[in-house]
Amino acid sequence: MELPPSSPSIFSTTDNPSTIQVTTSVLLTGTIFVFLFRSIRRHAKHAKELVFFLDL
């Protein structure tokens, strides 16, 4: 199914992005960053606890 060219798209390839495109991009980037940061922190904490446990 193809959309008519007159309908606005958030995946537009123009050099002048709309406010909704910028907002969506910022929110997605922020969400991905937070998810990755928390995942890496959790992994580092777990590895640190494992090393401490093995040293006992």
N, C-alpha and C. Protein backbone atom coordinates (compact mmCIF):
# COMPACT_ATOMS: atom_id res chain seq x y z
N MET A 1 0.84 -1.19 0.00
CA MET A 1 0.00 0.00 0.00
C MET A 1 0.88 1.24 0.00
N GLU A 2 0.65 2.12 -0.94
CA GLU A 2 1.43 3.34 -1.02
C GLU A 2 0.60 4.54 -0.59
N LEU A 3 1.24 5.44 0.12
CA LEU A 3 0.57 6.67 0.53
C LEU A 3 0.70 7.71 -0.57
N PRO A 4 -0.28 8.55 -0.71
CA PRO A 4 -0.16 9.61 -1.72
C PRO A 4 0.98 10.56 -1.34
N PRO A 5 1.66 11.12 -2.33
CA PRO A 5 2.81 11.99 -2.04
C PRO A 5 2.44 13.24 -1.25
N SER A 6 1.18 13.61 -1.20
CA SER A 6 0.78 14.83 -0.50
C SER A 6 0.75 14.66 1.02
N SER A 7 0.72 13.39 1.49
CA SER A 7 0.64 13.18 2.94
C SER A 7 2.01 13.41 3.59
N PRO A 8 2.03 14.09 4.74
CA PRO A 8 3.32 14.32 5.42
C PRO A 8 3.88 13.03 5.98
N SER A 9 5.17 12.91 5.98
CA SER A 9 5.82 11.71 6.47
C SER A 9 6.89 12.07 7.49
N ILE A 10 6.97 11.29 8.57
CA ILE A 10 8.02 11.57 9.56
C ILE A 10 9.36 11.04 9.06
N PHE A 11 9.35 10.30 7.97
CA PHE A 11 10.58 9.77 7.40
C PHE A 11 10.99 10.55 6.15
N SER A 12 10.60 11.80 6.11
CA SER A 12 10.92 12.64 4.96
C SER A 12 12.43 12.82 4.83
N THR A 13 12.90 12.96 3.60
CA THR A 13 14.34 13.10 3.38
C THR A 13 14.72 14.54 3.04
N THR A 14 13.88 15.50 3.37
CA THR A 14 14.20 16.90 3.07
C THR A 14 15.27 17.41 4.03
N ASP A 15 15.91 18.51 3.64
CA ASP A 15 16.94 19.12 4.48
C ASP A 15 16.34 20.03 5.54
N ASN A 16 15.02 20.19 5.54
CA ASN A 16 14.36 21.07 6.49
C ASN A 16 13.36 20.25 7.31
N PRO A 17 13.83 19.57 8.35
CA PRO A 17 12.94 18.69 9.12
C PRO A 17 11.88 19.47 9.90
N SER A 18 10.73 18.88 10.05
CA SER A 18 9.66 19.52 10.81
C SER A 18 9.93 19.34 12.30
N THR A 19 9.16 20.08 13.10
CA THR A 19 9.31 20.01 14.55
C THR A 19 9.06 18.60 15.07
N ILE A 20 8.07 17.92 14.50
CA ILE A 20 7.75 16.55 14.95
C ILE A 20 8.90 15.60 14.63
N GLN A 21 9.57 15.82 13.50
CA GLN A 21 10.72 14.97 13.14
C GLN A 21 11.87 15.17 14.12
N VAL A 22 12.15 16.42 14.45
CA VAL A 22 13.23 16.73 15.39
C VAL A 22 12.91 16.15 16.76
N THR A 23 11.68 16.35 17.22
CA THR A 23 11.26 15.85 18.53
C THR A 23 11.35 14.33 18.58
N THR A 24 10.85 13.67 17.55
CA THR A 24 10.90 12.21 17.50
C THR A 24 12.34 11.72 17.52
N SER A 25 13.19 12.36 16.75
CA SER A 25 14.60 11.97 16.69
C SER A 25 15.28 12.14 18.05
N VAL A 26 15.04 13.27 18.70
CA VAL A 26 15.66 13.53 20.00
C VAL A 26 15.17 12.53 21.04
N LEU A 27 13.86 12.25 21.04
CA LEU A 27 13.31 11.31 22.01
C LEU A 27 13.84 9.90 21.78
N LEU A 28 13.90 9.47 20.54
CA LEU A 28 14.42 8.13 20.24
C LEU A 28 15.89 8.01 20.62
N THR A 29 16.67 9.02 20.28
CA THR A 29 18.10 9.00 20.61
C THR A 29 18.30 8.98 22.12
N GLY A 30 17.54 9.81 22.84
CA GLY A 30 17.63 9.84 24.30
C GLY A 30 17.25 8.52 24.93
N THR A 31 16.18 7.92 24.43
CA THR A 31 15.72 6.64 24.96
C THR A 31 16.77 5.55 24.75
N ILE A 32 17.34 5.50 23.57
CA ILE A 32 18.36 4.50 23.26
C ILE A 32 19.59 4.72 24.15
N PHE A 33 20.00 5.98 24.33
CA PHE A 33 21.16 6.29 25.16
C PHE A 33 20.93 5.84 26.60
N VAL A 34 19.76 6.17 27.14
CA VAL A 34 19.45 5.80 28.53
C VAL A 34 19.43 4.28 28.68
N PHE A 35 18.81 3.58 27.73
CA PHE A 35 18.75 2.12 27.79
C PHE A 35 20.15 1.51 27.77
N LEU A 36 20.99 1.98 26.86
CA LEU A 36 22.35 1.45 26.76
C LEU A 36 23.17 1.78 28.00
N PHE A 37 23.05 3.02 28.50
CA PHE A 37 23.80 3.44 29.68
C PHE A 37 23.45 2.59 30.89
N ARG A 38 22.14 2.38 31.09
CA ARG A 38 21.71 1.57 32.24
C ARG A 38 22.15 0.12 32.08
N SER A 39 22.09 -0.40 30.88
CA SER A 39 22.50 -1.77 30.62
C SER A 39 23.99 -1.96 30.90
N ILE A 40 24.80 -1.02 30.45
CA ILE A 40 26.25 -1.11 30.67
C ILE A 40 26.57 -0.98 32.16
N ARG A 41 25.88 -0.06 32.84
CA ARG A 41 26.10 0.09 34.28
C ARG A 41 25.73 -1.17 35.05
N ARG A 42 24.60 -1.78 34.67
CA ARG A 42 24.16 -3.00 35.33
C ARG A 42 25.18 -4.12 35.09
N HIS A 43 25.68 -4.21 33.87
CA HIS A 43 26.66 -5.24 33.53
C HIS A 43 27.96 -5.02 34.32
N ALA A 44 28.41 -3.78 34.42
CA ALA A 44 29.64 -3.48 35.16
C ALA A 44 29.46 -3.79 36.64
N LYS A 45 28.30 -3.46 37.19
CA LYS A 45 28.05 -3.74 38.61
C LYS A 45 28.05 -5.25 38.86
N HIS A 46 27.43 -5.99 37.97
CA HIS A 46 27.36 -7.45 38.11
C HIS A 46 28.77 -8.06 38.03
N ALA A 47 29.58 -7.56 37.09
CA ALA A 47 30.94 -8.06 36.93
C ALA A 47 31.76 -7.75 38.18
N LYS A 48 31.56 -6.57 38.75
CA LYS A 48 32.29 -6.18 39.96
C LYS A 48 31.90 -7.09 41.13
N GLU A 49 30.60 -7.38 41.26
CA GLU A 49 30.13 -8.27 42.33
C GLU A 49 30.68 -9.69 42.14
N LEU A 50 30.77 -10.11 40.90
CA LEU A 50 31.28 -11.45 40.61
C LEU A 50 32.76 -11.56 41.00
N VAL A 51 33.53 -10.53 40.68
CA VAL A 51 34.95 -10.52 41.04
C VAL A 51 35.09 -10.53 42.56
N PHE A 52 34.27 -9.74 43.25
CA PHE A 52 34.31 -9.70 44.72
C PHE A 52 33.97 -11.07 45.29
N PHE A 53 32.97 -11.72 44.73
CA PHE A 53 32.54 -13.04 45.20
C PHE A 53 33.64 -14.08 44.98
N LEU A 54 34.33 -14.00 43.86
CA LEU A 54 35.38 -14.97 43.55
C LEU A 54 36.62 -14.76 44.42
N ASP A 55 36.81 -13.53 44.92
CA ASP A 55 37.96 -13.23 45.77
C ASP A 55 37.79 -13.77 47.19
N LEU A 56 36.58 -14.13 47.58
CA LEU A 56 36.34 -14.59 48.96
C LEU A 56 36.98 -15.92 49.25
